[in-house]
N, C-alpha and C. Protein backbone atom coordinates (compact mmCIF):
# COMPACT_ATOMS: atom_id res chain seq x y z
N UNK A 1 199.91 237.08 141.03
CA UNK A 1 198.54 237.24 141.11
C UNK A 1 198.01 235.90 140.85
N UNK A 2 197.13 235.14 141.79
CA UNK A 2 196.45 234.06 141.42
C UNK A 2 195.57 233.91 140.59
N UNK A 3 195.07 232.90 139.70
CA UNK A 3 193.98 232.90 139.15
C UNK A 3 192.71 233.27 140.14
N UNK A 4 191.86 234.07 139.63
CA UNK A 4 190.70 234.30 140.49
C UNK A 4 189.51 233.17 140.33
N UNK A 5 189.46 232.37 141.33
CA UNK A 5 188.61 231.22 141.23
C UNK A 5 186.97 231.66 141.15
N UNK A 6 186.34 231.27 140.14
CA UNK A 6 184.99 231.52 139.70
C UNK A 6 184.02 230.46 140.37
N UNK A 7 183.01 231.00 140.84
CA UNK A 7 181.98 230.09 141.57
C UNK A 7 181.12 229.34 140.46
N UNK A 8 181.29 229.59 139.21
CA UNK A 8 180.35 228.96 138.12
C UNK A 8 181.44 227.72 137.65
N UNK A 9 182.55 227.90 137.90
CA UNK A 9 183.56 226.79 137.46
C UNK A 9 183.63 225.64 138.42
N UNK A 10 184.16 224.59 137.95
CA UNK A 10 184.69 223.36 138.63
C UNK A 10 186.13 223.41 138.49
N UNK A 11 186.85 223.01 139.48
CA UNK A 11 188.35 222.85 139.41
C UNK A 11 188.67 221.54 140.02
N UNK A 12 189.69 221.09 139.41
CA UNK A 12 190.60 219.96 139.74
C UNK A 12 191.66 220.27 140.47
N UNK A 13 191.95 219.90 141.95
CA UNK A 13 193.25 219.97 142.33
C UNK A 13 193.82 218.98 142.66
N UNK A 14 195.10 218.78 142.10
CA UNK A 14 195.69 217.60 142.07
C UNK A 14 196.96 217.68 143.25
N UNK A 15 196.98 216.70 144.04
CA UNK A 15 197.95 216.84 145.31
C UNK A 15 199.03 215.91 145.28
N UNK A 16 200.18 216.37 145.40
CA UNK A 16 201.52 215.50 145.37
C UNK A 16 201.88 215.63 146.76
N UNK A 17 202.01 214.25 147.21
CA UNK A 17 202.47 213.89 148.70
C UNK A 17 203.41 213.15 148.73
N UNK A 18 204.37 212.89 147.76
CA UNK A 18 205.49 211.99 147.97
C UNK A 18 206.65 212.90 147.93
N UNK A 19 207.44 212.99 146.76
CA UNK A 19 208.63 213.81 146.81
C UNK A 19 208.90 214.51 145.43
N UNK A 20 210.06 215.06 145.33
CA UNK A 20 210.31 215.83 144.26
C UNK A 20 210.51 214.81 142.93
N UNK A 21 211.03 213.86 143.31
CA UNK A 21 211.36 212.91 142.11
C UNK A 21 209.95 212.55 141.31
N UNK A 22 209.00 212.25 142.17
CA UNK A 22 207.62 212.05 141.76
C UNK A 22 207.02 213.23 140.78
N UNK A 23 207.32 214.46 141.63
CA UNK A 23 206.70 215.58 140.86
C UNK A 23 207.53 215.88 139.63
N UNK A 24 208.83 215.79 139.53
CA UNK A 24 209.56 215.98 138.22
C UNK A 24 209.03 215.09 137.24
N UNK A 25 208.86 213.69 137.67
CA UNK A 25 208.23 212.70 136.53
C UNK A 25 206.79 213.11 135.97
N UNK A 26 206.01 213.40 136.88
CA UNK A 26 204.54 213.69 136.38
C UNK A 26 203.91 214.86 136.13
N UNK A 27 204.68 215.96 136.83
CA UNK A 27 203.97 217.21 136.74
C UNK A 27 204.13 217.54 135.22
N UNK A 28 205.23 217.44 134.46
CA UNK A 28 205.16 218.00 133.19
C UNK A 28 204.17 217.28 132.20
N UNK A 29 203.47 216.05 132.54
CA UNK A 29 202.75 215.31 131.93
C UNK A 29 200.96 215.99 131.89
N UNK A 30 200.94 216.68 133.00
CA UNK A 30 199.54 217.11 133.46
C UNK A 30 199.22 218.29 132.41
N UNK A 31 198.04 218.24 131.80
CA UNK A 31 197.56 219.33 130.90
C UNK A 31 197.62 220.73 131.46
N UNK A 32 198.20 221.67 130.77
CA UNK A 32 198.11 222.95 131.57
C UNK A 32 196.46 223.43 131.06
N UNK A 33 196.02 223.81 132.31
CA UNK A 33 194.50 224.32 132.19
C UNK A 33 194.24 224.95 133.36
N UNK A 34 193.65 226.26 133.12
CA UNK A 34 193.43 227.13 134.46
C UNK A 34 192.44 226.42 135.40
N UNK A 35 191.60 225.41 135.19
CA UNK A 35 190.85 224.68 135.96
C UNK A 35 191.61 223.59 136.73
N UNK A 36 192.88 223.60 136.61
CA UNK A 36 193.69 222.45 137.43
C UNK A 36 194.58 223.31 138.35
N UNK A 37 194.52 223.05 139.60
CA UNK A 37 195.22 223.66 140.61
C UNK A 37 196.36 222.67 141.29
N UNK A 38 197.50 222.72 141.31
CA UNK A 38 198.62 221.85 142.02
C UNK A 38 198.69 222.02 143.33
N UNK A 39 198.68 220.87 143.96
CA UNK A 39 198.98 221.16 145.56
C UNK A 39 200.28 220.42 146.08
N UNK A 40 201.08 221.43 146.57
CA UNK A 40 202.25 220.74 147.38
C UNK A 40 201.47 220.18 148.72
N UNK A 41 201.27 218.90 148.75
CA UNK A 41 200.68 218.24 150.02
C UNK A 41 201.57 218.41 151.18
N UNK A 42 200.80 218.17 152.41
CA UNK A 42 201.48 218.45 153.90
C UNK A 42 202.84 217.39 153.92
N UNK A 43 202.45 216.21 153.38
CA UNK A 43 203.45 215.14 153.50
C UNK A 43 204.71 215.61 152.69
N UNK A 44 204.43 216.20 151.41
CA UNK A 44 205.55 216.60 150.39
C UNK A 44 206.23 217.74 151.02
N UNK A 45 205.53 218.55 151.80
CA UNK A 45 206.19 219.60 152.23
C UNK A 45 207.30 219.34 153.53
N UNK A 46 206.61 218.50 154.14
CA UNK A 46 207.39 218.02 155.30
C UNK A 46 208.69 217.10 154.89
N UNK A 47 208.59 216.66 153.52
CA UNK A 47 209.91 215.82 153.13
C UNK A 47 210.70 216.88 152.33
N UNK A 48 210.16 217.79 151.52
CA UNK A 48 211.17 218.57 150.56
C UNK A 48 211.11 220.01 151.16
N UNK A 49 210.41 220.31 152.16
CA UNK A 49 210.63 221.79 152.46
C UNK A 49 209.96 222.91 151.58
N UNK A 50 210.12 224.26 151.80
CA UNK A 50 209.70 225.03 151.07
C UNK A 50 210.15 225.15 149.55
N UNK A 51 211.40 224.62 149.42
CA UNK A 51 212.27 224.44 148.16
C UNK A 51 211.30 223.61 147.46
N UNK A 52 210.75 222.66 147.76
CA UNK A 52 209.90 221.84 147.08
C UNK A 52 208.58 222.51 146.60
N UNK A 53 208.07 223.29 147.34
CA UNK A 53 206.94 224.39 146.82
C UNK A 53 207.54 224.89 145.57
N UNK A 54 208.68 225.61 145.85
CA UNK A 54 209.35 226.41 144.78
C UNK A 54 209.46 225.67 143.48
N UNK A 55 209.86 224.53 143.52
CA UNK A 55 210.08 223.89 142.45
C UNK A 55 208.84 223.48 141.63
N UNK A 56 207.82 223.06 142.36
CA UNK A 56 206.34 222.84 141.81
C UNK A 56 205.91 224.32 141.11
N UNK A 57 206.16 225.34 141.72
CA UNK A 57 205.71 226.62 141.30
C UNK A 57 206.25 226.98 139.74
N UNK A 58 207.90 226.61 139.73
CA UNK A 58 208.71 226.79 138.74
C UNK A 58 208.09 225.71 137.52
N UNK A 59 207.98 224.67 137.78
CA UNK A 59 207.42 223.60 136.89
C UNK A 59 205.94 223.91 136.21
N UNK A 60 205.14 224.46 137.02
CA UNK A 60 203.86 224.44 136.83
C UNK A 60 203.48 225.77 136.07
N UNK A 61 203.64 226.73 136.75
CA UNK A 61 203.25 228.01 136.05
C UNK A 61 201.81 228.40 136.39
N UNK A 62 201.08 227.64 136.84
CA UNK A 62 199.74 227.90 137.03
C UNK A 62 199.60 228.14 138.45
N UNK A 63 198.34 227.94 139.10
CA UNK A 63 197.97 228.20 140.49
C UNK A 63 198.58 226.96 141.34
N UNK A 64 199.22 227.33 142.46
CA UNK A 64 199.92 226.17 143.26
C UNK A 64 199.49 226.59 144.52
N UNK A 65 198.94 225.44 145.18
CA UNK A 65 198.36 225.32 146.55
C UNK A 65 199.52 224.95 147.54
N UNK A 66 199.90 225.46 148.56
CA UNK A 66 200.91 224.98 149.64
C UNK A 66 200.07 224.67 150.95
N UNK A 67 199.82 223.36 151.02
CA UNK A 67 199.12 222.84 152.12
C UNK A 67 199.76 222.64 153.33
N UNK A 68 199.92 223.89 153.96
CA UNK A 68 200.71 224.01 155.14
C UNK A 68 199.84 223.45 156.41
N UNK A 69 198.46 223.67 156.34
CA UNK A 69 197.76 223.19 157.38
C UNK A 69 197.95 224.12 158.47
N UNK A 70 198.19 225.36 158.28
CA UNK A 70 198.75 226.36 159.48
C UNK A 70 197.80 226.45 160.59
N UNK A 71 198.41 226.23 161.82
CA UNK A 71 197.66 226.13 163.00
C UNK A 71 198.12 227.31 164.03
N UNK A 72 199.34 227.87 163.76
CA UNK A 72 199.67 228.89 164.75
C UNK A 72 200.98 229.75 163.72
N UNK A 73 201.21 230.94 164.34
CA UNK A 73 202.37 231.58 163.39
C UNK A 73 201.75 231.84 161.88
N UNK A 74 200.50 232.40 161.93
CA UNK A 74 199.92 232.50 160.66
C UNK A 74 200.67 233.37 159.70
N UNK A 75 201.05 234.64 160.21
CA UNK A 75 201.45 235.47 159.27
C UNK A 75 202.87 235.01 158.49
N UNK A 76 203.81 234.37 159.55
CA UNK A 76 205.12 233.97 158.71
C UNK A 76 204.85 232.94 157.91
N UNK A 77 203.79 231.83 158.10
CA UNK A 77 203.66 230.89 157.14
C UNK A 77 202.95 231.18 155.77
N UNK A 78 202.08 232.14 155.88
CA UNK A 78 201.42 232.71 154.77
C UNK A 78 202.88 233.35 153.87
N UNK A 79 203.48 234.02 154.65
CA UNK A 79 204.80 234.68 153.83
C UNK A 79 205.67 233.78 153.19
N UNK A 80 205.89 232.78 153.99
CA UNK A 80 206.78 231.65 153.29
C UNK A 80 206.09 230.96 152.12
N UNK A 81 204.98 230.66 152.14
CA UNK A 81 204.32 230.08 151.04
C UNK A 81 204.32 231.14 149.75
N UNK A 82 204.15 232.32 150.23
CA UNK A 82 204.15 233.27 148.89
C UNK A 82 205.48 233.37 148.35
N UNK A 83 206.61 233.25 149.35
CA UNK A 83 208.00 233.44 148.99
C UNK A 83 208.59 232.26 148.00
N UNK A 84 207.83 231.22 148.22
CA UNK A 84 208.13 229.85 147.59
C UNK A 84 207.19 229.94 146.22
N UNK A 85 206.52 230.88 145.90
CA UNK A 85 205.67 230.84 144.75
C UNK A 85 204.31 230.34 144.80
N UNK A 86 203.69 230.14 145.87
CA UNK A 86 202.25 229.60 145.99
C UNK A 86 201.44 230.73 145.80
N UNK A 87 200.17 230.34 145.29
CA UNK A 87 199.27 231.42 145.28
C UNK A 87 198.08 231.39 146.26
N UNK A 88 197.93 229.77 146.67
CA UNK A 88 196.95 229.66 147.97
C UNK A 88 197.76 228.92 148.71
N UNK A 89 197.26 228.94 150.00
CA UNK A 89 197.61 228.38 151.22
C UNK A 89 196.54 227.85 152.16
N UNK A 90 196.88 226.86 153.10
CA UNK A 90 195.78 226.32 153.79
C UNK A 90 196.06 226.40 155.21
N UNK A 91 195.07 226.70 156.05
CA UNK A 91 195.20 226.63 157.56
C UNK A 91 194.02 225.94 158.08
N UNK A 92 194.40 225.39 159.42
CA UNK A 92 193.27 224.52 159.99
C UNK A 92 192.27 225.28 160.69
N UNK A 93 191.02 224.67 160.49
CA UNK A 93 189.80 225.40 160.83
C UNK A 93 189.74 225.02 162.49
N UNK A 94 190.43 224.15 163.02
CA UNK A 94 190.68 223.83 164.39
C UNK A 94 191.58 224.76 165.03
N UNK A 95 192.41 225.47 164.28
CA UNK A 95 193.22 226.48 164.89
C UNK A 95 192.35 227.66 165.71
N UNK A 96 193.26 228.22 166.71
CA UNK A 96 192.35 229.41 167.32
C UNK A 96 191.88 230.59 166.37
N UNK A 97 190.67 231.09 166.72
CA UNK A 97 190.26 232.12 165.70
C UNK A 97 191.23 233.31 165.41
N UNK A 98 192.08 233.45 166.35
CA UNK A 98 193.15 234.56 166.24
C UNK A 98 193.95 234.30 165.21
N UNK A 99 194.51 232.94 165.04
CA UNK A 99 195.13 232.49 164.09
C UNK A 99 194.70 232.61 162.75
N UNK A 100 193.21 232.07 162.50
CA UNK A 100 192.54 232.25 161.25
C UNK A 100 192.46 233.44 160.61
N UNK A 101 192.11 234.32 161.72
CA UNK A 101 191.90 235.70 161.25
C UNK A 101 193.27 236.54 160.69
N UNK A 102 194.27 236.02 161.39
CA UNK A 102 195.55 236.68 160.96
C UNK A 102 195.87 235.89 159.62
N UNK A 103 195.68 234.83 159.34
CA UNK A 103 195.93 233.96 158.10
C UNK A 103 195.10 234.78 157.22
N UNK A 104 193.83 234.73 157.39
CA UNK A 104 193.01 235.25 156.24
C UNK A 104 193.56 236.75 155.80
N UNK A 105 193.56 237.60 156.97
CA UNK A 105 194.19 239.03 156.60
C UNK A 105 195.29 239.10 155.81
N UNK A 106 196.21 238.08 156.27
CA UNK A 106 197.46 238.26 155.48
C UNK A 106 197.53 237.66 154.17
N UNK A 107 196.88 236.72 153.77
CA UNK A 107 196.38 236.31 152.35
C UNK A 107 195.68 237.26 151.59
N UNK A 108 194.99 238.20 152.10
CA UNK A 108 194.14 239.21 151.56
C UNK A 108 195.25 240.11 151.09
N UNK A 109 196.18 240.52 152.10
CA UNK A 109 197.22 241.68 151.73
C UNK A 109 198.11 241.17 150.80
N UNK A 110 198.35 239.84 150.77
CA UNK A 110 199.40 239.42 149.73
C UNK A 110 198.66 238.89 148.46
N UNK A 111 197.37 239.11 148.35
CA UNK A 111 196.36 238.56 147.22
C UNK A 111 196.73 237.31 147.03
N UNK A 112 196.64 236.44 147.90
CA UNK A 112 196.77 234.82 147.94
C UNK A 112 195.31 234.38 148.26
N UNK A 113 195.01 233.15 147.73
CA UNK A 113 193.61 232.62 148.15
C UNK A 113 193.71 231.86 149.39
N UNK A 114 193.04 232.23 150.38
CA UNK A 114 193.03 231.64 151.64
C UNK A 114 192.01 230.54 151.89
N UNK A 115 192.63 229.27 152.21
CA UNK A 115 191.74 228.22 152.22
C UNK A 115 191.75 227.66 153.64
N UNK A 116 190.55 227.45 154.34
CA UNK A 116 190.38 226.84 155.67
C UNK A 116 190.02 225.48 155.61
N UNK A 117 191.00 224.57 156.03
CA UNK A 117 190.58 223.02 156.17
C UNK A 117 189.96 222.74 157.25
N UNK A 118 188.80 222.19 157.20
CA UNK A 118 188.11 221.88 158.29
C UNK A 118 188.08 220.34 158.61
N UNK A 119 189.14 219.76 158.48
CA UNK A 119 189.51 218.40 158.71
C UNK A 119 189.21 218.30 160.23
N UNK A 120 188.45 217.33 160.84
CA UNK A 120 188.10 217.13 162.33
C UNK A 120 187.18 218.19 162.82
N UNK A 121 186.63 219.22 162.30
CA UNK A 121 185.74 220.14 162.67
C UNK A 121 184.37 219.65 162.68
N UNK A 122 183.75 219.68 163.84
CA UNK A 122 182.24 218.92 163.64
C UNK A 122 181.28 220.08 162.96
N UNK A 123 181.35 221.23 163.17
CA UNK A 123 180.36 222.33 162.93
C UNK A 123 181.24 223.53 162.19
N UNK A 124 181.59 223.22 160.81
CA UNK A 124 182.33 224.25 160.21
C UNK A 124 181.80 225.92 160.15
N UNK A 125 180.35 225.68 160.33
CA UNK A 125 179.84 227.11 160.21
C UNK A 125 179.89 227.92 161.40
N UNK A 126 180.13 227.12 162.41
CA UNK A 126 180.61 227.93 163.80
C UNK A 126 181.97 228.57 163.69
N UNK A 127 182.88 228.00 163.07
CA UNK A 127 184.14 228.46 162.92
C UNK A 127 184.13 229.71 162.20
N UNK A 128 183.33 229.54 160.88
CA UNK A 128 183.30 230.89 160.08
C UNK A 128 182.77 231.98 160.89
N UNK A 129 181.62 231.85 161.68
CA UNK A 129 180.79 232.91 162.36
C UNK A 129 181.74 233.54 163.48
N UNK A 130 182.92 232.93 163.90
CA UNK A 130 183.81 233.70 164.73
C UNK A 130 184.92 234.44 164.01
N UNK A 131 184.94 234.55 162.63
CA UNK A 131 186.00 235.16 162.06
C UNK A 131 185.51 236.74 161.77
N UNK A 132 186.54 237.66 161.60
CA UNK A 132 186.37 238.78 161.15
C UNK A 132 186.05 239.02 159.72
N UNK A 133 186.81 237.86 158.92
CA UNK A 133 186.65 237.79 157.43
C UNK A 133 186.48 236.66 156.95
N UNK A 134 185.75 236.30 155.78
CA UNK A 134 185.44 235.21 155.38
C UNK A 134 186.65 234.59 154.49
N UNK A 135 187.13 233.43 154.66
CA UNK A 135 188.11 232.70 153.78
C UNK A 135 187.59 232.81 152.14
N UNK A 136 188.58 232.65 151.25
CA UNK A 136 188.03 232.25 150.05
C UNK A 136 187.48 231.00 149.80
N UNK A 137 188.22 229.92 150.31
CA UNK A 137 187.62 228.59 150.29
C UNK A 137 187.62 227.90 151.52
N UNK A 138 186.62 227.15 151.60
CA UNK A 138 186.24 226.24 152.79
C UNK A 138 186.50 224.82 152.36
N UNK A 139 187.44 224.17 152.84
CA UNK A 139 187.57 222.84 152.51
C UNK A 139 186.93 221.60 153.43
N UNK A 140 186.04 220.75 152.99
CA UNK A 140 185.34 219.81 153.68
C UNK A 140 186.22 218.52 153.40
N UNK A 141 186.83 217.97 154.38
CA UNK A 141 187.98 217.05 154.39
C UNK A 141 187.64 215.89 155.18
N UNK A 142 187.82 214.55 154.42
CA UNK A 142 187.92 213.37 155.13
C UNK A 142 189.29 213.00 155.07
N UNK A 143 190.00 212.90 156.24
CA UNK A 143 191.34 212.63 156.15
C UNK A 143 191.87 211.33 155.72
N UNK A 144 193.08 211.01 155.42
CA UNK A 144 193.54 209.85 154.89
C UNK A 144 193.49 208.74 155.95
N UNK A 145 193.49 208.97 157.15
CA UNK A 145 193.48 208.03 158.24
C UNK A 145 191.97 207.58 158.52
N UNK A 146 191.04 208.52 157.98
CA UNK A 146 189.74 208.06 158.09
C UNK A 146 189.15 207.21 156.98
N UNK A 147 189.86 207.06 155.96
CA UNK A 147 189.35 206.36 154.75
C UNK A 147 189.17 204.89 155.09
N UNK A 148 189.90 204.45 156.00
CA UNK A 148 189.64 202.97 156.59
C UNK A 148 188.53 202.75 157.35
N UNK A 149 187.90 203.78 157.84
CA UNK A 149 186.51 203.82 158.45
C UNK A 149 185.49 203.53 157.54
N UNK A 150 184.63 202.48 157.59
CA UNK A 150 183.77 202.21 156.75
C UNK A 150 182.62 203.00 156.96
N UNK A 151 182.00 203.59 156.00
CA UNK A 151 180.95 204.54 156.13
C UNK A 151 181.16 206.06 156.26
N UNK A 152 182.67 206.21 156.43
CA UNK A 152 182.92 207.80 156.56
C UNK A 152 183.04 208.44 155.20
N UNK A 153 182.29 209.40 155.26
CA UNK A 153 182.33 210.13 153.89
C UNK A 153 182.74 211.68 154.29
N UNK A 154 182.92 212.32 153.25
CA UNK A 154 183.10 213.70 153.18
C UNK A 154 181.96 214.41 153.56
N UNK A 155 181.77 215.31 154.59
CA UNK A 155 180.55 215.88 155.18
C UNK A 155 179.98 216.90 154.42
N UNK A 156 179.31 216.35 153.23
CA UNK A 156 178.55 217.47 152.31
C UNK A 156 177.58 218.11 152.92
N UNK A 157 176.87 217.40 154.07
CA UNK A 157 175.79 217.93 154.60
C UNK A 157 176.08 219.65 155.18
N UNK A 158 177.21 220.00 155.34
CA UNK A 158 177.68 221.33 155.60
C UNK A 158 177.50 222.11 154.63
N UNK A 159 177.43 221.80 153.33
CA UNK A 159 177.46 222.83 152.19
C UNK A 159 176.39 223.97 152.21
N UNK A 160 175.20 223.23 152.45
CA UNK A 160 174.05 224.20 152.40
C UNK A 160 174.09 225.11 153.61
N UNK A 161 174.49 224.60 154.71
CA UNK A 161 174.53 225.53 156.13
C UNK A 161 175.40 226.59 155.76
N UNK A 162 176.85 226.37 155.14
CA UNK A 162 177.76 227.38 154.95
C UNK A 162 177.30 228.31 154.02
N UNK A 163 176.52 227.82 152.99
CA UNK A 163 176.28 228.88 151.85
C UNK A 163 174.92 229.74 152.36
N UNK A 164 174.41 229.15 153.12
CA UNK A 164 173.27 229.99 153.76
C UNK A 164 173.62 231.27 154.26
N UNK A 165 174.76 231.33 154.57
CA UNK A 165 175.39 232.54 155.26
C UNK A 165 176.67 233.23 154.49
N UNK A 166 177.28 232.29 153.78
CA UNK A 166 178.60 232.75 153.24
C UNK A 166 178.72 232.53 151.81
N UNK A 167 179.28 233.47 150.93
CA UNK A 167 179.44 233.29 149.48
C UNK A 167 180.96 232.71 149.59
N UNK A 168 181.11 231.63 149.66
CA UNK A 168 182.43 230.95 149.61
C UNK A 168 182.57 229.98 148.58
N UNK A 169 183.71 229.62 148.09
CA UNK A 169 183.92 228.52 147.34
C UNK A 169 184.14 227.23 148.26
N UNK A 170 183.53 226.19 147.89
CA UNK A 170 183.76 224.71 148.54
C UNK A 170 184.69 223.77 148.02
N UNK A 171 185.70 223.29 148.65
CA UNK A 171 186.56 222.34 148.20
C UNK A 171 186.24 220.94 148.71
N UNK A 172 186.21 219.95 148.19
CA UNK A 172 185.99 218.54 148.73
C UNK A 172 187.28 217.80 148.64
N UNK A 173 187.81 217.23 149.79
CA UNK A 173 189.05 216.49 149.82
C UNK A 173 188.84 215.15 150.57
N UNK A 174 189.51 214.06 150.24
CA UNK A 174 189.61 213.01 150.80
C UNK A 174 189.17 211.80 150.19
N UNK A 175 190.18 211.05 149.53
CA UNK A 175 189.81 209.72 148.95
C UNK A 175 188.96 209.77 147.76
N UNK A 176 189.07 210.67 146.84
CA UNK A 176 188.35 210.97 145.67
C UNK A 176 188.79 210.40 144.60
N UNK A 177 188.09 209.50 144.02
CA UNK A 177 188.30 208.93 142.24
C UNK A 177 187.41 209.59 141.63
N UNK A 178 187.17 209.18 140.26
CA UNK A 178 186.38 209.75 139.27
C UNK A 178 184.72 209.66 139.88
N UNK A 179 184.39 208.65 140.47
CA UNK A 179 183.15 208.51 140.89
C UNK A 179 182.87 209.55 142.24
N UNK A 180 183.90 209.58 142.97
CA UNK A 180 183.81 210.55 144.02
C UNK A 180 183.73 211.82 143.59
N UNK A 181 184.55 212.26 142.55
CA UNK A 181 184.31 213.50 142.10
C UNK A 181 183.12 213.98 141.49
N UNK A 182 182.48 212.98 140.80
CA UNK A 182 181.02 213.11 140.41
C UNK A 182 180.08 213.60 141.56
N UNK A 183 180.27 212.69 142.66
CA UNK A 183 179.48 213.05 143.90
C UNK A 183 179.71 214.22 144.41
N UNK A 184 181.05 214.70 144.59
CA UNK A 184 181.26 216.03 145.05
C UNK A 184 180.66 217.31 144.41
N UNK A 185 180.78 217.10 142.96
CA UNK A 185 180.14 218.38 142.30
C UNK A 185 178.60 218.30 142.39
N UNK A 186 178.04 217.06 142.48
CA UNK A 186 176.48 217.01 142.77
C UNK A 186 176.19 217.44 143.98
N UNK A 187 176.92 217.13 144.84
CA UNK A 187 176.62 218.02 146.25
C UNK A 187 177.15 219.46 146.35
N UNK A 188 177.56 220.17 145.34
CA UNK A 188 177.92 221.49 145.45
C UNK A 188 179.14 221.88 145.55
N UNK A 189 180.26 220.93 145.44
CA UNK A 189 181.61 221.50 145.51
C UNK A 189 182.23 222.10 144.44
N UNK A 190 182.89 223.28 144.51
CA UNK A 190 183.55 223.64 143.40
C UNK A 190 184.93 223.21 143.02
N UNK A 191 185.51 222.68 144.14
CA UNK A 191 186.97 222.17 143.82
C UNK A 191 187.07 220.81 144.28
N UNK A 192 187.63 219.98 143.51
CA UNK A 192 187.58 218.59 143.93
C UNK A 192 189.22 218.15 143.88
N UNK A 193 189.55 217.76 145.13
CA UNK A 193 190.98 217.40 145.33
C UNK A 193 191.08 215.90 145.22
N UNK A 194 192.23 215.60 144.34
CA UNK A 194 192.53 214.26 144.10
C UNK A 194 193.88 214.09 144.41
N UNK A 195 194.33 212.99 145.20
CA UNK A 195 195.61 212.71 145.55
C UNK A 195 196.41 211.98 144.32
N UNK A 196 197.54 212.31 143.98
CA UNK A 196 198.50 211.32 143.48
C UNK A 196 199.11 210.43 144.35
N UNK A 197 198.73 209.29 144.27
CA UNK A 197 199.08 208.07 145.21
C UNK A 197 200.08 206.99 144.48
N UNK A 198 201.12 206.60 145.15
CA UNK A 198 201.86 205.76 144.78
C UNK A 198 201.45 204.36 145.27
N UNK A 199 202.09 203.21 144.47
CA UNK A 199 201.45 201.83 144.74
C UNK A 199 201.36 201.43 146.11
N UNK A 200 202.50 202.04 147.07
CA UNK A 200 202.45 201.50 148.35
C UNK A 200 201.26 202.34 149.24
N UNK A 201 200.81 203.29 148.75
CA UNK A 201 199.77 204.17 149.45
C UNK A 201 198.71 203.56 149.98
N UNK A 202 198.04 203.48 151.08
CA UNK A 202 196.72 202.84 151.21
C UNK A 202 195.31 203.71 150.95
N UNK A 203 195.52 204.90 150.45
CA UNK A 203 194.42 205.59 150.16
C UNK A 203 193.97 205.65 148.78
N UNK A 204 192.86 206.30 148.63
CA UNK A 204 192.37 206.44 147.09
C UNK A 204 192.90 207.67 146.39
N UNK A 205 193.07 207.67 145.27
CA UNK A 205 193.48 208.57 144.35
C UNK A 205 193.81 208.37 143.02
N UNK A 206 194.69 209.05 142.42
CA UNK A 206 194.98 208.66 140.97
C UNK A 206 196.39 207.97 141.03
N UNK A 207 196.67 206.89 140.67
CA UNK A 207 197.88 206.17 140.68
C UNK A 207 199.13 206.97 139.99
N UNK A 208 200.08 207.02 140.68
CA UNK A 208 201.25 207.61 140.06
C UNK A 208 201.78 206.74 138.83
N UNK A 209 201.32 205.51 138.85
CA UNK A 209 201.73 204.43 137.55
C UNK A 209 200.77 204.46 136.48
N UNK A 210 199.70 205.33 136.52
CA UNK A 210 198.82 205.56 135.52
C UNK A 210 198.97 206.42 134.66
N UNK A 211 198.31 206.52 133.68
CA UNK A 211 198.39 207.60 132.53
C UNK A 211 197.50 208.81 133.23
N UNK A 212 198.53 209.52 133.92
CA UNK A 212 198.17 210.67 134.85
C UNK A 212 197.40 211.72 133.88
N UNK A 213 197.88 212.25 132.79
CA UNK A 213 197.32 213.08 131.84
C UNK A 213 195.81 212.87 131.32
N UNK A 214 195.64 211.60 130.92
CA UNK A 214 194.38 211.26 130.50
C UNK A 214 193.42 211.05 131.68
N UNK A 215 193.94 210.71 132.87
CA UNK A 215 192.91 210.71 133.90
C UNK A 215 192.60 212.15 134.38
N UNK A 216 193.56 212.94 134.30
CA UNK A 216 193.36 214.26 134.82
C UNK A 216 192.20 214.89 133.67
N UNK A 217 192.27 214.60 132.51
CA UNK A 217 191.39 215.04 131.58
C UNK A 217 189.88 214.57 131.71
N UNK A 218 190.06 213.42 132.33
CA UNK A 218 188.56 212.56 132.39
C UNK A 218 187.89 213.22 133.78
N UNK A 219 188.87 213.58 134.70
CA UNK A 219 188.09 214.17 135.82
C UNK A 219 187.81 215.71 135.45
N UNK A 220 188.40 216.44 134.52
CA UNK A 220 188.10 217.71 133.98
C UNK A 220 186.52 217.63 133.48
N UNK A 221 186.31 216.50 132.72
CA UNK A 221 185.17 216.34 131.99
C UNK A 221 183.97 215.98 132.85
N UNK A 222 184.35 215.22 133.74
CA UNK A 222 183.37 214.65 134.90
C UNK A 222 182.75 215.78 135.72
N UNK A 223 183.62 216.72 136.03
CA UNK A 223 183.15 218.05 136.99
C UNK A 223 182.66 219.27 136.12
N UNK A 224 182.86 218.92 134.92
CA UNK A 224 182.20 220.34 134.26
C UNK A 224 180.90 220.70 134.58
């Protein structure tokens, strides 16, 4: 049973995108806190498979997000995430409505947190209006490849549009550091996603070579 996300709380989601070696080194250093979610990022899953998600779940013990970005075959992918120990899973907002509907329904059946990633979606509200059931979380996402585009920001302008019709939790993802986390919660996000980044990575996040525990604690204080 996942931690029930509360709309009055602010959460930090730490995303691992490298490999199990990095997870094994850093995850034990992260403070145990119900306001911290651990994400098995898409690149990590493509490298390590569902066994990688399973190991994260075993090491963490709290809420684990499998960032599958499901675009088809929704029921099977949700099942795979659940079998690996994840409590939350993502699907693409750009997927067919049929896929998203099956995804949200299967998450509900398995008591998982359904997260819809609006990466590349121009009007997230229109996606939600086509669904039979509202997901638990809507992710407003500026992709890694978009970080190099000057002036490109997480599309916070959609938050009020979405909340005018749906009582959902909003997650903000994409190049977030401490300053970005402050901006995210100011704009109304409930979840702030920060990537654990290696020295060779070209995007913004928490350096894998830094004091990850201390920085995670700083994030939690910043977004309270």
